[in-house]
Amino acid sequence: MPHYTWKKSLGLLAGPLSFILLYFVVEPAGLNPSAQAVLAVTAWVAIWWISEAIPIAATALLPIVLFPLCGGLAMTETLHAYSHPYIFLCWLPHF
């Protein structure tokens, strides 16, 4: 079991809590529902990324699951953004 510091523990709770607040409770003026979903998911990802509550690679996969579930983006649009050629540069062999 990994050791969680106070920062990681706080981030682990604050990420989903911020999502819930931004998606279900707060209604920012001028945002349509899909933009509000993207805002809520982005807040969750940003908090987990900064606090390193879970590994950053796993945190980066959250939008793939959450955007389609919340209505932020369709699955095809989300996966298309992840399949951009620049994203896969890290997979190229280093000579």
PDB file of N, CA and C in Angstrom:
ATOM      1  N   MET A   1       0.852  -1.180   0.000  1.00  0.00           N
ATOM      2  CA  MET A   1       0.000   0.000   0.000  1.00  0.00           C
ATOM      3  C   MET A   1       0.892   1.236   0.000  1.00  0.00           C
ATOM      4  N   PRO A   2       0.640   2.165  -0.931  1.00  0.00           N
ATOM      5  CA  PRO A   2       1.496   3.349  -1.010  1.00  0.00           C
ATOM      6  C   PRO A   2       1.303   4.261   0.192  1.00  0.00           C
ATOM      7  N   HIS A   3       2.378   4.947   0.533  1.00  0.00           N
ATOM      8  CA  HIS A   3       2.329   5.903   1.634  1.00  0.00           C
ATOM      9  C   HIS A   3       1.811   7.240   1.098  1.00  0.00           C
ATOM     10  N   TYR A   4       0.757   7.739   1.707  1.00  0.00           N
ATOM     11  CA  TYR A   4       0.189   9.015   1.288  1.00  0.00           C
ATOM     12  C   TYR A   4       0.575  10.108   2.262  1.00  0.00           C
ATOM     13  N   THR A   5       1.145  11.177   1.711  1.00  0.00           N
ATOM     14  CA  THR A   5       1.426  12.355   2.515  1.00  0.00           C
ATOM     15  C   THR A   5       0.129  13.134   2.678  1.00  0.00           C
ATOM     16  N   TRP A   6       0.152  14.171   3.494  1.00  0.00           N
ATOM     17  CA  TRP A   6      -1.046  14.978   3.683  1.00  0.00           C
ATOM     18  C   TRP A   6      -1.453  15.637   2.377  1.00  0.00           C
ATOM     19  N   LYS A   7      -0.470  16.020   1.559  1.00  0.00           N
ATOM     20  CA  LYS A   7      -0.755  16.669   0.278  1.00  0.00           C
ATOM     21  C   LYS A   7      -1.472  15.707  -0.669  1.00  0.00           C
ATOM     22  N   LYS A   8      -0.993  14.480  -0.732  1.00  0.00           N
ATOM     23  CA  LYS A   8      -1.624  13.496  -1.609  1.00  0.00           C
ATOM     24  C   LYS A   8      -3.013  13.121  -1.102  1.00  0.00           C
ATOM     25  N   SER A   9      -3.151  12.967   0.201  1.00  0.00           N
ATOM     26  CA  SER A   9      -4.454  12.619   0.767  1.00  0.00           C
ATOM     27  C   SER A   9      -5.473  13.728   0.536  1.00  0.00           C
ATOM     28  N   LEU A  10      -5.045  14.955   0.730  1.00  0.00           N
ATOM     29  CA  LEU A  10      -5.923  16.095   0.487  1.00  0.00           C
ATOM     30  C   LEU A  10      -6.315  16.168  -0.985  1.00  0.00           C
ATOM     31  N   GLY A  11      -5.349  15.974  -1.867  1.00  0.00           N
ATOM     32  CA  GLY A  11      -5.632  15.995  -3.300  1.00  0.00           C
ATOM     33  C   GLY A  11      -6.549  14.875  -3.729  1.00  0.00           C
ATOM     34  N   LEU A  12      -6.382  13.701  -3.119  1.00  0.00           N
ATOM     35  CA  LEU A  12      -7.216  12.550  -3.446  1.00  0.00           C
ATOM     36  C   LEU A  12      -8.682  12.833  -3.152  1.00  0.00           C
ATOM     37  N   LEU A  13      -8.943  13.584  -2.105  1.00  0.00           N
ATOM     38  CA  LEU A  13     -10.322  13.948  -1.760  1.00  0.00           C
ATOM     39  C   LEU A  13     -10.791  15.204  -2.491  1.00  0.00           C
ATOM     40  N   ALA A  14      -9.902  16.174  -2.658  1.00  0.00           N
ATOM     41  CA  ALA A  14     -10.286  17.457  -3.249  1.00  0.00           C
ATOM     42  C   ALA A  14     -10.614  17.339  -4.735  1.00  0.00           C
ATOM     43  N   GLY A  15      -9.977  16.416  -5.438  1.00  0.00           N
ATOM     44  CA  GLY A  15     -10.242  16.260  -6.870  1.00  0.00           C
ATOM     45  C   GLY A  15     -11.685  15.896  -7.158  1.00  0.00           C
ATOM     46  N   PRO A  16     -12.167  14.745  -6.655  1.00  0.00           N
ATOM     47  CA  PRO A  16     -13.566  14.399  -6.902  1.00  0.00           C
ATOM     48  C   PRO A  16     -14.558  15.389  -6.280  1.00  0.00           C
ATOM     49  N   LEU A  17     -14.196  15.963  -5.132  1.00  0.00           N
ATOM     50  CA  LEU A  17     -15.071  16.946  -4.505  1.00  0.00           C
ATOM     51  C   LEU A  17     -15.227  18.181  -5.394  1.00  0.00           C
ATOM     52  N   SER A  18     -14.134  18.636  -5.990  1.00  0.00           N
ATOM     53  CA  SER A  18     -14.218  19.794  -6.884  1.00  0.00           C
ATOM     54  C   SER A  18     -15.062  19.458  -8.109  1.00  0.00           C
ATOM     55  N   PHE A  19     -14.939  18.231  -8.599  1.00  0.00           N
ATOM     56  CA  PHE A  19     -15.769  17.802  -9.727  1.00  0.00           C
ATOM     57  C   PHE A  19     -17.248  17.866  -9.360  1.00  0.00           C
ATOM     58  N   ILE A  20     -17.588  17.316  -8.223  1.00  0.00           N
ATOM     59  CA  ILE A  20     -18.985  17.292  -7.782  1.00  0.00           C
ATOM     60  C   ILE A  20     -19.530  18.709  -7.621  1.00  0.00           C
ATOM     61  N   LEU A  21     -18.744  19.572  -6.993  1.00  0.00           N
ATOM     62  CA  LEU A  21     -19.193  20.954  -6.791  1.00  0.00           C
ATOM     63  C   LEU A  21     -19.382  21.690  -8.111  1.00  0.00           C
ATOM     64  N   LEU A  22     -18.403  21.556  -9.021  1.00  0.00           N
ATOM     65  CA  LEU A  22     -18.474  22.287 -10.285  1.00  0.00           C
ATOM     66  C   LEU A  22     -19.497  21.698 -11.250  1.00  0.00           C
ATOM     67  N   TYR A  23     -19.755  20.422 -11.159  1.00  0.00           N
ATOM     68  CA  TYR A  23     -20.676  19.798 -12.102  1.00  0.00           C
ATOM     69  C   TYR A  23     -22.125  19.828 -11.619  1.00  0.00           C
ATOM     70  N   PHE A  24     -22.333  19.609 -10.327  1.00  0.00           N
ATOM     71  CA  PHE A  24     -23.695  19.489  -9.820  1.00  0.00           C
ATOM     72  C   PHE A  24     -24.194  20.709  -9.045  1.00  0.00           C
ATOM     73  N   VAL A  25     -23.311  21.451  -8.389  1.00  0.00           N
ATOM     74  CA  VAL A  25     -23.749  22.510  -7.485  1.00  0.00           C
ATOM     75  C   VAL A  25     -23.634  23.891  -8.121  1.00  0.00           C
ATOM     76  N   VAL A  26     -22.456  24.248  -8.578  1.00  0.00           N
ATOM     77  CA  VAL A  26     -22.200  25.584  -9.115  1.00  0.00           C
ATOM     78  C   VAL A  26     -22.669  25.640 -10.568  1.00  0.00           C
ATOM     79  N   GLU A  27     -23.336  26.725 -10.917  1.00  0.00           N
ATOM     80  CA  GLU A  27     -23.753  26.940 -12.300  1.00  0.00           C
ATOM     81  C   GLU A  27     -23.171  28.258 -12.792  1.00  0.00           C
ATOM     82  N   PRO A  28     -21.953  28.221 -13.372  1.00  0.00           N
ATOM     83  CA  PRO A  28     -21.344  29.457 -13.863  1.00  0.00           C
ATOM     84  C   PRO A  28     -22.180  30.084 -14.981  1.00  0.00           C
ATOM     85  N   ALA A  29     -22.323  31.376 -14.915  1.00  0.00           N
ATOM     86  CA  ALA A  29     -23.115  32.091 -15.913  1.00  0.00           C
ATOM     87  C   ALA A  29     -22.445  32.001 -17.278  1.00  0.00           C
ATOM     88  N   GLY A  30     -23.232  31.713 -18.287  1.00  0.00           N
ATOM     89  CA  GLY A  30     -22.730  31.704 -19.652  1.00  0.00           C
ATOM     90  C   GLY A  30     -22.110  30.391 -20.104  1.00  0.00           C
ATOM     91  N   LEU A  31     -22.028  29.396 -19.231  1.00  0.00           N
ATOM     92  CA  LEU A  31     -21.451  28.106 -19.634  1.00  0.00           C
ATOM     93  C   LEU A  31     -22.564  27.139 -19.995  1.00  0.00           C
ATOM     94  N   ASN A  32     -22.432  26.525 -21.160  1.00  0.00           N
ATOM     95  CA  ASN A  32     -23.395  25.488 -21.509  1.00  0.00           C
ATOM     96  C   ASN A  32     -23.027  24.206 -20.761  1.00  0.00           C
ATOM     97  N   PRO A  33     -23.892  23.226 -20.724  1.00  0.00           N
ATOM     98  CA  PRO A  33     -23.633  22.012 -19.933  1.00  0.00           C
ATOM     99  C   PRO A  33     -22.352  21.262 -20.326  1.00  0.00           C
ATOM    100  N   SER A  34     -22.028  21.218 -21.607  1.00  0.00           N
ATOM    101  CA  SER A  34     -20.804  20.502 -21.996  1.00  0.00           C
ATOM    102  C   SER A  34     -19.560  21.253 -21.532  1.00  0.00           C
ATOM    103  N   ALA A  35     -19.588  22.571 -21.574  1.00  0.00           N
ATOM    104  CA  ALA A  35     -18.454  23.354 -21.079  1.00  0.00           C
ATOM    105  C   ALA A  35     -18.311  23.213 -19.569  1.00  0.00           C
ATOM    106  N   GLN A  36     -19.430  23.124 -18.869  1.00  0.00           N
ATOM    107  CA  GLN A  36     -19.390  22.931 -17.419  1.00  0.00           C
ATOM    108  C   GLN A  36     -18.811  21.555 -17.087  1.00  0.00           C
ATOM    109  N   ALA A  37     -19.135  20.543 -17.889  1.00  0.00           N
ATOM    110  CA  ALA A  37     -18.576  19.204 -17.684  1.00  0.00           C
ATOM    111  C   ALA A  37     -17.066  19.215 -17.895  1.00  0.00           C
ATOM    112  N   VAL A  38     -16.609  19.902 -18.931  1.00  0.00           N
ATOM    113  CA  VAL A  38     -15.176  19.992 -19.193  1.00  0.00           C
ATOM    114  C   VAL A  38     -14.469  20.734 -18.061  1.00  0.00           C
ATOM    115  N   LEU A  39     -15.075  21.798 -17.563  1.00  0.00           N
ATOM    116  CA  LEU A  39     -14.513  22.540 -16.442  1.00  0.00           C
ATOM    117  C   LEU A  39     -14.379  21.661 -15.207  1.00  0.00           C
ATOM    118  N   ALA A  40     -15.412  20.891 -14.898  1.00  0.00           N
ATOM    119  CA  ALA A  40     -15.395  20.038 -13.712  1.00  0.00           C
ATOM    120  C   ALA A  40     -14.318  18.947 -13.832  1.00  0.00           C
ATOM    121  N   VAL A  41     -14.226  18.321 -14.987  1.00  0.00           N
ATOM    122  CA  VAL A  41     -13.219  17.274 -15.200  1.00  0.00           C
ATOM    123  C   VAL A  41     -11.819  17.870 -15.155  1.00  0.00           C
ATOM    124  N   THR A  42     -11.645  19.032 -15.754  1.00  0.00           N
ATOM    125  CA  THR A  42     -10.331  19.675 -15.774  1.00  0.00           C
ATOM    126  C   THR A  42      -9.883  20.044 -14.366  1.00  0.00           C
ATOM    127  N   ALA A  43     -10.802  20.497 -13.534  1.00  0.00           N
ATOM    128  CA  ALA A  43     -10.450  20.814 -12.144  1.00  0.00           C
ATOM    129  C   ALA A  43      -9.989  19.562 -11.409  1.00  0.00           C
ATOM    130  N   TRP A  44     -10.698  18.460 -11.580  1.00  0.00           N
ATOM    131  CA  TRP A  44     -10.320  17.189 -10.947  1.00  0.00           C
ATOM    132  C   TRP A  44      -8.928  16.764 -11.403  1.00  0.00           C
ATOM    133  N   VAL A  45      -8.702  16.782 -12.712  1.00  0.00           N
ATOM    134  CA  VAL A  45      -7.407  16.368 -13.253  1.00  0.00           C
ATOM    135  C   VAL A  45      -6.299  17.290 -12.759  1.00  0.00           C
ATOM    136  N   ALA A  46      -6.542  18.588 -12.750  1.00  0.00           N
ATOM    137  CA  ALA A  46      -5.516  19.540 -12.310  1.00  0.00           C
ATOM    138  C   ALA A  46      -5.136  19.316 -10.847  1.00  0.00           C
ATOM    139  N   ILE A  47      -6.126  19.080 -10.010  1.00  0.00           N
ATOM    140  CA  ILE A  47      -5.839  18.862  -8.586  1.00  0.00           C
ATOM    141  C   ILE A  47      -5.045  17.575  -8.393  1.00  0.00           C
ATOM    142  N   TRP A  48      -5.441  16.506  -9.073  1.00  0.00           N
ATOM    143  CA  TRP A  48      -4.694  15.247  -8.932  1.00  0.00           C
ATOM    144  C   TRP A  48      -3.317  15.354  -9.554  1.00  0.00           C
ATOM    145  N   TRP A  49      -3.185  16.138 -10.616  1.00  0.00           N
ATOM    146  CA  TRP A  49      -1.887  16.300 -11.263  1.00  0.00           C
ATOM    147  C   TRP A  49      -0.936  17.047 -10.331  1.00  0.00           C
ATOM    148  N   ILE A  50      -1.410  18.126  -9.745  1.00  0.00           N
ATOM    149  CA  ILE A  50      -0.565  18.940  -8.868  1.00  0.00           C
ATOM    150  C   ILE A  50      -0.217  18.194  -7.584  1.00  0.00           C
ATOM    151  N   SER A  51      -1.213  17.528  -6.996  1.00  0.00           N
ATOM    152  CA  SER A  51      -0.966  16.843  -5.723  1.00  0.00           C
ATOM    153  C   SER A  51      -0.319  15.475  -5.909  1.00  0.00           C
ATOM    154  N   GLU A  52      -0.311  14.972  -7.144  1.00  0.00           N
ATOM    155  CA  GLU A  52       0.211  13.640  -7.444  1.00  0.00           C
ATOM    156  C   GLU A  52      -0.458  12.585  -6.574  1.00  0.00           C
ATOM    157  N   ALA A  53      -1.788  12.705  -6.440  1.00  0.00           N
ATOM    158  CA  ALA A  53      -2.564  11.773  -5.621  1.00  0.00           C
ATOM    159  C   ALA A  53      -2.477  10.355  -6.178  1.00  0.00           C
ATOM    160  N   ILE A  54      -2.517  10.243  -7.485  1.00  0.00           N
ATOM    161  CA  ILE A  54      -2.258   8.974  -8.157  1.00  0.00           C
ATOM    162  C   ILE A  54      -1.203   9.266  -9.213  1.00  0.00           C
ATOM    163  N   PRO A  55      -0.582   8.259  -9.807  1.00  0.00           N
ATOM    164  CA  PRO A  55       0.442   8.544 -10.812  1.00  0.00           C
ATOM    165  C   PRO A  55      -0.093   9.448 -11.935  1.00  0.00           C
ATOM    166  N   ILE A  56       0.758  10.338 -12.406  1.00  0.00           N
ATOM    167  CA  ILE A  56       0.350  11.322 -13.402  1.00  0.00           C
ATOM    168  C   ILE A  56      -0.163  10.651 -14.677  1.00  0.00           C
ATOM    169  N   ALA A  57       0.432   9.536 -15.077  1.00  0.00           N
ATOM    170  CA  ALA A  57      -0.034   8.833 -16.272  1.00  0.00           C
ATOM    171  C   ALA A  57      -1.471   8.349 -16.102  1.00  0.00           C
ATOM    172  N   ALA A  58      -1.815   7.894 -14.925  1.00  0.00           N
ATOM    173  CA  ALA A  58      -3.190   7.453 -14.667  1.00  0.00           C
ATOM    174  C   ALA A  58      -4.131   8.651 -14.597  1.00  0.00           C
ATOM    175  N   THR A  59      -3.666   9.739 -14.038  1.00  0.00           N
ATOM    176  CA  THR A  59      -4.484  10.954 -13.969  1.00  0.00           C
ATOM    177  C   THR A  59      -4.813  11.459 -15.372  1.00  0.00           C
ATOM    178  N   ALA A  60      -3.870  11.355 -16.273  1.00  0.00           N
ATOM    179  CA  ALA A  60      -4.077  11.829 -17.643  1.00  0.00           C
ATOM    180  C   ALA A  60      -5.146  11.032 -18.375  1.00  0.00           C
ATOM    181  N   LEU A  61      -5.475   9.858 -17.893  1.00  0.00           N
ATOM    182  CA  LEU A  61      -6.501   9.037 -18.540  1.00  0.00           C
ATOM    183  C   LEU A  61      -7.915   9.351 -18.050  1.00  0.00           C
ATOM    184  N   LEU A  62      -8.049  10.123 -17.003  1.00  0.00           N
ATOM    185  CA  LEU A  62      -9.376  10.460 -16.481  1.00  0.00           C
ATOM    186  C   LEU A  62     -10.303  11.091 -17.524  1.00  0.00           C
ATOM    187  N   PRO A  63      -9.840  12.042 -18.342  1.00  0.00           N
ATOM    188  CA  PRO A  63     -10.749  12.633 -19.331  1.00  0.00           C
ATOM    189  C   PRO A  63     -11.303  11.617 -20.333  1.00  0.00           C
ATOM    190  N   ILE A  64     -10.564  10.569 -20.635  1.00  0.00           N
ATOM    191  CA  ILE A  64     -11.066   9.570 -21.571  1.00  0.00           C
ATOM    192  C   ILE A  64     -12.340   8.933 -21.033  1.00  0.00           C
ATOM    193  N   VAL A  65     -12.394   8.743 -19.741  1.00  0.00           N
ATOM    194  CA  VAL A  65     -13.573   8.140 -19.121  1.00  0.00           C
ATOM    195  C   VAL A  65     -14.633   9.192 -18.798  1.00  0.00           C
ATOM    196  N   LEU A  66     -14.196  10.312 -18.227  1.00  0.00           N
ATOM    197  CA  LEU A  66     -15.154  11.284 -17.693  1.00  0.00           C
ATOM    198  C   LEU A  66     -15.804  12.183 -18.743  1.00  0.00           C
ATOM    199  N   PHE A  67     -15.069  12.583 -19.781  1.00  0.00           N
ATOM    200  CA  PHE A  67     -15.675  13.469 -20.788  1.00  0.00           C
ATOM    201  C   PHE A  67     -16.914  12.839 -21.429  1.00  0.00           C
ATOM    202  N   PRO A  68     -16.832  11.603 -21.923  1.00  0.00           N
ATOM    203  CA  PRO A  68     -18.047  11.016 -22.510  1.00  0.00           C
ATOM    204  C   PRO A  68     -19.162  10.769 -21.484  1.00  0.00           C
ATOM    205  N   LEU A  69     -18.805  10.381 -20.263  1.00  0.00           N
ATOM    206  CA  LEU A  69     -19.829  10.120 -19.251  1.00  0.00           C
ATOM    207  C   LEU A  69     -20.588  11.379 -18.850  1.00  0.00           C
ATOM    208  N   CYS A  70     -19.892  12.511 -18.820  1.00  0.00           N
ATOM    209  CA  CYS A  70     -20.502  13.767 -18.374  1.00  0.00           C
ATOM    210  C   CYS A  70     -21.090  14.586 -19.514  1.00  0.00           C
ATOM    211  N   GLY A  71     -20.813  14.202 -20.725  1.00  0.00           N
ATOM    212  CA  GLY A  71     -21.317  14.969 -21.861  1.00  0.00           C
ATOM    213  C   GLY A  71     -20.411  16.105 -22.271  1.00  0.00           C
ATOM    214  N   GLY A  72     -19.160  16.083 -21.827  1.00  0.00           N
ATOM    215  CA  GLY A  72     -18.213  17.125 -22.209  1.00  0.00           C
ATOM    216  C   GLY A  72     -17.786  17.004 -23.653  1.00  0.00           C
ATOM    217  N   LEU A  73     -17.384  15.827 -24.048  1.00  0.00           N
ATOM    218  CA  LEU A  73     -16.996  15.511 -25.425  1.00  0.00           C
ATOM    219  C   LEU A  73     -17.389  14.079 -25.713  1.00  0.00           C
ATOM    220  N   ALA A  74     -17.611  13.789 -26.971  1.00  0.00           N
ATOM    221  CA  ALA A  74     -17.886  12.414 -27.367  1.00  0.00           C
ATOM    222  C   ALA A  74     -16.606  11.593 -27.246  1.00  0.00           C
ATOM    223  N   MET A  75     -16.769  10.296 -27.132  1.00  0.00           N
ATOM    224  CA  MET A  75     -15.613   9.406 -27.002  1.00  0.00           C
ATOM    225  C   MET A  75     -14.663   9.552 -28.195  1.00  0.00           C
ATOM    226  N   THR A  76     -15.200   9.649 -29.406  1.00  0.00           N
ATOM    227  CA  THR A  76     -14.340   9.761 -30.584  1.00  0.00           C
ATOM    228  C   THR A  76     -13.530  11.055 -30.568  1.00  0.00           C
ATOM    229  N   GLU A  77     -14.161  12.154 -30.161  1.00  0.00           N
ATOM    230  CA  GLU A  77     -13.440  13.430 -30.089  1.00  0.00           C
ATOM    231  C   GLU A  77     -12.346  13.387 -29.027  1.00  0.00           C
ATOM    232  N   THR A  78     -12.656  12.788 -27.901  1.00  0.00           N
ATOM    233  CA  THR A  78     -11.681  12.694 -26.818  1.00  0.00           C
ATOM    234  C   THR A  78     -10.499  11.835 -27.234  1.00  0.00           C
ATOM    235  N   LEU A  79     -10.772  10.678 -27.795  1.00  0.00           N
ATOM    236  CA  LEU A  79      -9.690   9.782 -28.214  1.00  0.00           C
ATOM    237  C   LEU A  79      -8.900  10.357 -29.377  1.00  0.00           C
ATOM    238  N   HIS A  80      -9.562  11.133 -30.230  1.00  0.00           N
ATOM    239  CA  HIS A  80      -8.837  11.772 -31.331  1.00  0.00           C
ATOM    240  C   HIS A  80      -7.779  12.742 -30.797  1.00  0.00           C
ATOM    241  N   ALA A  81      -8.105  13.457 -29.734  1.00  0.00           N
ATOM    242  CA  ALA A  81      -7.131  14.376 -29.137  1.00  0.00           C
ATOM    243  C   ALA A  81      -5.950  13.610 -28.543  1.00  0.00           C
ATOM    244  N   TYR A  82      -6.207  12.437 -27.998  1.00  0.00           N
ATOM    245  CA  TYR A  82      -5.133  11.630 -27.422  1.00  0.00           C
ATOM    246  C   TYR A  82      -4.297  10.939 -28.491  1.00  0.00           C
ATOM    247  N   SER A  83      -4.805  10.818 -29.702  1.00  0.00           N
ATOM    248  CA  SER A  83      -4.061  10.105 -30.737  1.00  0.00           C
ATOM    249  C   SER A  83      -3.328  11.039 -31.688  1.00  0.00           C
ATOM    250  N   HIS A  84      -3.143  12.273 -31.302  1.00  0.00           N
ATOM    251  CA  HIS A  84      -2.390  13.216 -32.129  1.00  0.00           C
ATOM    252  C   HIS A  84      -0.951  12.725 -32.257  1.00  0.00           C
ATOM    253  N   PRO A  85      -0.325  12.887 -33.427  1.00  0.00           N
ATOM    254  CA  PRO A  85       1.046  12.383 -33.619  1.00  0.00           C
ATOM    255  C   PRO A  85       2.064  12.931 -32.610  1.00  0.00           C
ATOM    256  N   TYR A  86       1.894  14.158 -32.153  1.00  0.00           N
ATOM    257  CA  TYR A  86       2.845  14.713 -31.190  1.00  0.00           C
ATOM    258  C   TYR A  86       2.760  14.024 -29.834  1.00  0.00           C
ATOM    259  N   ILE A  87       1.603  13.487 -29.511  1.00  0.00           N
ATOM    260  CA  ILE A  87       1.432  12.781 -28.238  1.00  0.00           C
ATOM    261  C   ILE A  87       2.300  11.524 -28.217  1.00  0.00           C
ATOM    262  N   PHE A  88       2.448  10.872 -29.360  1.00  0.00           N
ATOM    263  CA  PHE A  88       3.167   9.608 -29.427  1.00  0.00           C
ATOM    264  C   PHE A  88       4.659   9.767 -29.678  1.00  0.00           C
ATOM    265  N   LEU A  89       5.179  10.977 -29.644  1.00  0.00           N
ATOM    266  CA  LEU A  89       6.608  11.180 -29.833  1.00  0.00           C
ATOM    267  C   LEU A  89       7.430  10.466 -28.760  1.00  0.00           C
ATOM    268  N   CYS A  90       6.872  10.346 -27.564  1.00  0.00           N
ATOM    269  CA  CYS A  90       7.623   9.696 -26.484  1.00  0.00           C
ATOM    270  C   CYS A  90       7.798   8.199 -26.738  1.00  0.00           C
ATOM    271  N   TRP A  91       7.004   7.633 -27.631  1.00  0.00           N
ATOM    272  CA  TRP A  91       7.102   6.203 -27.916  1.00  0.00           C
ATOM    273  C   TRP A  91       8.158   5.883 -28.967  1.00  0.00           C
ATOM    274  N   LEU A  92       8.694   6.901 -29.626  1.00  0.00           N
ATOM    275  CA  LEU A  92       9.712   6.666 -30.638  1.00  0.00           C
ATOM    276  C   LEU A  92      10.997   6.190 -29.988  1.00  0.00           C
ATOM    277  N   PRO A  93      11.684   5.250 -30.611  1.00  0.00           N
ATOM    278  CA  PRO A  93      12.948   4.782 -30.022  1.00  0.00           C
ATOM    279  C   PRO A  93      13.994   5.894 -30.060  1.00  0.00           C
ATOM    280  N   HIS A  94      14.804   5.938 -29.036  1.00  0.00           N
ATOM    281  CA  HIS A  94      15.866   6.934 -28.969  1.00  0.00           C
ATOM    282  C   HIS A  94      17.139   6.324 -29.536  1.00  0.00           C
ATOM    283  N   PHE A  95      17.669   6.966 -30.547  1.00  0.00           N
ATOM    284  CA  PHE A  95      18.895   6.461 -31.193  1.00  0.00           C
ATOM    285  C   PHE A  95      20.111   7.196 -30.700  1.00  0.00           C
TER     286      PHE A  95
END
